[in-house]
Amino acid sequence: MTRTALITGASAGLGTEFARQLAALGMRVVLVARDAERLDRLAAELGAAPGAGADPGERAEVLVADLTTEAGLERVAARLSDPDRPIDLLINNAGFGVFESFERSSIADERRMHELLSWAPLRLAHAAIPGMLERGEGWILTVASVAAFTPTGTYGAAKAAVVSLSRSLNARYRRRGVRVTALCPGLLATEFHERMGEDHLPQLPRIAWADTARVAREGLRAVHAGRAVHVSDWRYRLAVPLTRILPDRVLERMTTTNAQESGRA
């Protein structure tokens, strides 16, 4: 039986990497994002990969949706809860950041960010879990961030929410076959910072950036193993314990002036 994964934010960065790795494992993927052209290109690429069927739709399905709108979010929720087309793995990956500091940011942008980063994963998990419980198995991977463990503004606050949610759902449902994981990467060389403009790109040495393919592999292994939280990349795994012992004022100075410096796409 071919399993199916639904990936939000699939049109770029980590979402695209998840799609490629899962397709290579023989899974069918449902690609969710706002950019129809990019999704169609990715679906064609996956459909043309070795081992794909004659019909590209056998490997990839495109679902165009803006998760910051109620209509878009409910469209994806309906796909997740469709009993005739079950989703075995949900990957909540879509995200963006607000660059401006809290006192200058647009409250509309702040709300959109929080709804995408914390409300959308909750809504989609709520849609997916009943069917997974009925089938006796399922996996949910939500991309959080190491920013969840540091005082990095509203972005970090939103990411902390999904870390807490993942821990709670994994504790509640793992014995019933549903595994829920929060993946916490650090800096990734994706379009996340570029979307905010070149002036907003962190000027950091190459060693600070984690490899996207490796982070995706670690995330898939973590959710398969049923780990509630996984900090990706050894450099960040070494750093996270410091967040438990250093004062907030020190951590705030060590981090950049906004949560996006510790974000990902």
Protein backbone atom coordinates (compact mmCIF):
# COMPACT_ATOMS: atom_id res chain seq x y z
CA MET A 1 0.00 0.00 0.00
CA THR A 2 1.39 3.40 -1.00
CA ARG A 3 1.39 5.90 1.84
CA THR A 4 0.57 9.58 1.36
CA ALA A 5 2.13 12.66 2.93
CA LEU A 6 0.72 16.19 2.88
CA ILE A 7 3.33 18.96 3.05
CA THR A 8 2.54 22.63 3.59
CA GLY A 9 4.99 25.21 2.32
CA ALA A 10 6.08 22.68 -0.30
CA SER A 11 7.02 25.17 -3.02
CA ALA A 12 10.47 26.05 -1.65
CA GLY A 13 13.19 25.33 0.88
CA LEU A 14 12.68 22.62 3.47
CA GLY A 15 9.20 21.80 2.15
CA THR A 16 10.56 20.96 -1.30
CA GLU A 17 13.30 18.85 0.28
CA PHE A 18 10.73 16.89 2.30
CA ALA A 19 8.74 16.25 -0.88
CA ARG A 20 11.78 14.98 -2.79
CA GLN A 21 12.93 12.69 -0.01
CA LEU A 22 9.48 11.23 0.59
CA ALA A 23 8.88 10.68 -3.13
CA ALA A 24 12.25 8.92 -3.32
CA LEU A 25 11.01 6.59 -0.56
CA GLY A 26 7.99 5.73 -2.71
CA MET A 27 5.41 7.86 -0.93
CA ARG A 28 2.76 9.86 -2.70
CA VAL A 29 2.85 13.55 -1.75
CA VAL A 30 0.21 16.27 -1.58
CA LEU A 31 1.97 19.58 -2.20
CA VAL A 32 0.43 22.63 -0.52
CA ALA A 33 1.45 26.27 -1.06
CA ARG A 34 0.19 29.49 -2.64
CA ASP A 35 2.38 29.38 -5.77
CA ALA A 36 0.61 27.12 -8.29
CA GLU A 37 3.36 27.41 -10.90
CA ARG A 38 6.07 26.26 -8.51
CA LEU A 39 3.93 23.41 -7.23
CA ASP A 40 3.20 22.23 -10.75
CA ARG A 41 6.93 22.23 -11.57
CA LEU A 42 7.73 20.24 -8.46
CA ALA A 43 4.92 17.77 -9.14
CA ALA A 44 6.22 17.27 -12.69
CA GLU A 45 9.74 16.72 -11.35
CA LEU A 46 8.56 14.12 -8.85
CA GLY A 47 6.36 12.45 -11.44
CA ALA A 48 9.32 12.12 -13.81
CA ALA A 49 11.59 10.63 -11.15
CA PRO A 50 12.76 7.00 -11.52
CA GLY A 51 10.05 4.58 -10.47
CA ALA A 52 7.19 7.03 -10.99
CA GLY A 53 4.12 5.91 -12.84
CA ALA A 54 3.13 7.09 -16.30
CA ASP A 55 0.72 9.57 -14.76
CA PRO A 56 2.57 12.26 -12.72
CA GLY A 57 -0.51 12.41 -10.51
CA GLU A 58 0.35 8.96 -9.20
CA ARG A 59 3.31 10.48 -7.38
CA ALA A 60 2.25 14.06 -6.56
CA GLU A 61 -0.98 16.00 -6.04
CA VAL A 62 -1.10 19.81 -6.08
CA LEU A 63 -3.30 21.69 -3.64
CA VAL A 64 -3.05 25.48 -4.00
CA ALA A 65 -4.03 27.21 -0.76
CA ASP A 66 -3.16 30.25 1.31
CA LEU A 67 -3.13 29.04 4.90
CA THR A 68 -3.40 32.58 6.25
CA THR A 69 -6.99 32.70 4.95
CA GLU A 70 -9.87 30.76 6.43
CA ALA A 71 -10.90 29.41 3.03
CA GLY A 72 -7.40 28.15 2.24
CA LEU A 73 -6.89 26.59 5.65
CA GLU A 74 -10.26 24.84 5.59
CA ARG A 75 -9.57 23.52 2.07
CA VAL A 76 -6.47 21.77 3.36
CA ALA A 77 -8.24 20.61 6.53
CA ALA A 78 -10.95 19.03 4.37
CA ARG A 79 -8.31 17.17 2.35
CA LEU A 80 -6.73 15.85 5.56
CA SER A 81 -10.04 14.58 6.93
CA ASP A 82 -11.22 12.92 3.69
CA PRO A 83 -11.72 9.23 4.63
CA ASP A 84 -11.55 8.11 1.01
CA ARG A 85 -8.07 9.62 0.50
CA PRO A 86 -6.26 9.14 3.81
CA ILE A 87 -3.16 11.12 4.73
CA ASP A 88 -0.59 9.08 6.64
CA LEU A 89 1.94 11.85 7.31
CA LEU A 90 1.23 15.56 7.82
CA ILE A 91 4.18 17.94 7.62
CA ASN A 92 3.41 21.47 8.87
CA ASN A 93 6.19 23.48 7.26
CA ALA A 94 4.70 26.72 5.92
CA GLY A 95 5.98 29.88 7.54
CA PHE A 96 7.24 33.44 7.25
CA GLY A 97 8.72 36.02 9.59
CA VAL A 98 8.13 39.65 10.53
CA PHE A 99 11.43 41.53 10.37
CA GLU A 100 10.47 44.75 12.14
CA SER A 101 10.96 44.97 15.88
CA PHE A 102 7.84 44.58 18.01
CA GLU A 103 7.23 48.29 18.63
CA ARG A 104 7.35 49.04 14.87
CA SER A 105 5.76 45.96 13.34
CA SER A 106 2.33 45.88 11.75
CA ILE A 107 -0.17 44.17 14.02
CA ALA A 108 -1.82 42.67 10.92
CA ASP A 109 1.51 41.06 9.95
CA GLU A 110 2.02 39.80 13.49
CA ARG A 111 -1.42 38.19 13.45
CA ARG A 112 -0.85 36.58 10.04
CA MET A 113 2.47 35.17 11.23
CA HIS A 114 1.04 33.71 14.43
CA GLU A 115 -1.93 32.23 12.61
CA LEU A 116 0.35 30.56 10.06
CA LEU A 117 2.98 29.36 12.53
CA SER A 118 0.80 28.23 15.44
CA TRP A 119 -2.93 28.22 14.58
CA ALA A 120 -2.59 26.51 11.16
CA PRO A 121 -0.59 23.53 12.54
CA LEU A 122 -3.15 23.13 15.35
CA ARG A 123 -6.08 23.28 12.91
CA LEU A 124 -4.51 20.81 10.50
CA ALA A 125 -3.52 18.39 13.25
CA HIS A 126 -7.09 18.58 14.55
CA ALA A 127 -8.32 17.62 11.08
CA ALA A 128 -5.82 14.79 10.61
CA ILE A 129 -5.78 13.03 13.98
CA PRO A 130 -9.33 11.52 14.07
CA GLY A 131 -8.70 9.58 10.85
CA MET A 132 -5.23 8.54 11.99
CA LEU A 133 -6.67 7.22 15.26
CA GLU A 134 -9.36 5.32 13.39
CA ARG A 135 -6.71 3.70 11.17
CA GLY A 136 -4.48 3.02 14.15
CA GLU A 137 -1.43 4.91 12.88
CA GLY A 138 -0.26 8.27 11.60
CA TRP A 139 2.55 10.79 11.83
CA ILE A 140 2.61 14.58 12.22
CA LEU A 141 5.81 16.59 11.86
CA THR A 142 5.69 20.32 12.60
CA VAL A 143 8.69 22.47 11.74
CA ALA A 144 9.40 24.68 14.74
CA SER A 145 12.77 26.34 15.42
CA VAL A 146 15.54 26.64 18.00
CA ALA A 147 14.04 30.12 18.42
CA ALA A 148 11.37 28.38 20.50
CA PHE A 149 13.91 28.02 23.33
CA THR A 150 15.24 31.58 23.37
CA PRO A 151 13.75 35.08 23.90
CA THR A 152 13.56 35.88 20.20
CA GLY A 153 10.39 37.90 20.02
CA THR A 154 7.05 36.94 18.57
CA TYR A 155 8.48 34.45 16.06
CA GLY A 156 10.02 32.47 18.92
CA ALA A 157 6.75 32.70 20.85
CA ALA A 158 4.82 31.19 17.95
CA LYS A 159 7.37 28.41 17.56
CA ALA A 160 7.28 27.69 21.30
CA ALA A 161 3.53 27.14 20.96
CA VAL A 162 3.91 24.37 18.38
CA VAL A 163 6.69 22.72 20.41
CA SER A 164 4.32 22.57 23.38
CA LEU A 165 1.46 21.34 21.18
CA SER A 166 3.59 18.58 19.67
CA ARG A 167 4.73 17.37 23.08
CA SER A 168 1.14 17.28 24.32
CA LEU A 169 -0.27 15.45 21.28
CA ASN A 170 2.58 12.95 21.19
CA ALA A 171 2.09 12.13 24.88
CA ARG A 172 -1.64 11.71 24.40
CA TYR A 173 -1.77 9.71 21.18
CA ARG A 174 1.51 7.85 20.72
CA ARG A 175 0.21 4.69 22.44
CA ARG A 176 -2.70 4.76 19.99
CA GLY A 177 -0.35 4.78 16.99
CA VAL A 178 -0.13 8.51 16.20
CA ARG A 179 3.32 10.07 16.57
CA VAL A 180 3.75 13.84 16.71
CA THR A 181 7.11 15.62 16.49
CA ALA A 182 8.34 19.21 16.56
CA LEU A 183 11.46 19.62 14.43
CA CYS A 184 13.65 22.50 15.64
CA PRO A 185 16.28 23.57 13.10
CA GLY A 186 18.50 26.61 13.27
CA LEU A 187 19.62 28.69 10.32
CA LEU A 188 18.93 27.17 6.91
CA ALA A 189 20.09 28.49 3.56
CA THR A 190 16.60 28.84 2.06
CA GLU A 191 14.44 31.73 0.80
CA PHE A 192 13.23 32.63 4.30
CA HIS A 193 15.58 35.60 4.77
CA GLU A 194 15.70 36.50 1.09
CA ARG A 195 11.96 37.19 1.07
CA MET A 196 12.59 39.96 3.58
CA GLY A 197 15.22 41.57 1.31
CA GLU A 198 19.00 41.38 1.02
CA ASP A 199 19.49 43.85 3.89
CA HIS A 200 17.89 41.32 6.23
CA LEU A 201 20.22 38.40 5.44
CA PRO A 202 22.27 37.42 8.50
CA GLN A 203 25.99 38.04 7.94
CA LEU A 204 27.20 34.82 9.52
CA PRO A 205 29.97 32.34 8.64
CA ARG A 206 29.09 29.34 6.50
CA ILE A 207 29.43 26.96 9.43
CA ALA A 208 26.41 28.60 11.10
CA TRP A 209 24.09 27.39 8.33
CA ALA A 210 22.71 23.85 8.50
CA ASP A 211 22.28 21.60 5.46
CA THR A 212 18.64 21.49 4.35
CA ALA A 213 18.76 17.90 3.10
CA ARG A 214 20.24 16.68 6.38
CA VAL A 215 17.66 18.58 8.44
CA ALA A 216 14.84 17.02 6.41
CA ARG A 217 16.29 13.52 6.87
CA GLU A 218 16.64 14.07 10.62
CA GLY A 219 13.06 15.29 10.86
CA LEU A 220 11.64 12.28 9.04
CA ARG A 221 13.66 9.89 11.21
CA ALA A 222 12.55 11.70 14.37
CA VAL A 223 8.83 11.52 13.58
CA HIS A 224 9.14 7.87 12.54
CA ALA A 225 10.80 7.15 15.90
CA GLY A 226 8.10 9.07 17.76
CA ARG A 227 10.36 11.68 19.35
CA ALA A 228 8.25 14.60 20.59
CA VAL A 229 10.97 17.22 19.99
CA HIS A 230 14.05 16.99 17.82
CA VAL A 231 16.68 19.73 17.61
CA SER A 232 18.28 19.34 14.21
CA ASP A 233 22.01 19.64 13.51
CA TRP A 234 24.68 18.83 16.11
CA ARG A 235 25.74 22.47 16.50
CA TYR A 236 22.31 23.51 17.68
CA ARG A 237 21.90 20.41 19.84
CA LEU A 238 25.04 21.50 21.70
CA ALA A 239 23.76 25.06 22.08
CA VAL A 240 20.17 24.43 23.23
CA PRO A 241 21.09 23.19 26.76
CA LEU A 242 22.60 26.63 27.40
CA THR A 243 19.13 28.15 27.08
CA ARG A 244 18.12 26.37 30.30
CA ILE A 245 20.88 27.89 32.41
CA LEU A 246 21.66 31.33 30.97
CA PRO A 247 19.57 34.34 32.09
CA ASP A 248 17.09 35.70 29.55
CA ARG A 249 18.92 39.03 29.38
CA VAL A 250 22.10 37.21 28.29
CA LEU A 251 20.26 35.06 25.76
CA GLU A 252 18.54 38.11 24.34
CA ARG A 253 21.89 39.78 23.74
CA MET A 254 23.33 36.62 22.19
CA THR A 255 20.47 36.26 19.77
CA THR A 256 19.81 38.73 16.98
CA THR A 257 17.33 41.56 17.26
CA ASN A 258 14.54 39.54 15.72
CA ALA A 259 13.37 35.98 15.75
CA GLN A 260 14.00 35.48 12.05
CA GLU A 261 17.77 35.39 12.56
CA SER A 262 17.13 32.06 14.20
CA GLY A 263 14.36 31.04 11.78
CA ARG A 264 14.04 28.89 8.73
CA ALA A 265 11.91 28.71 5.60
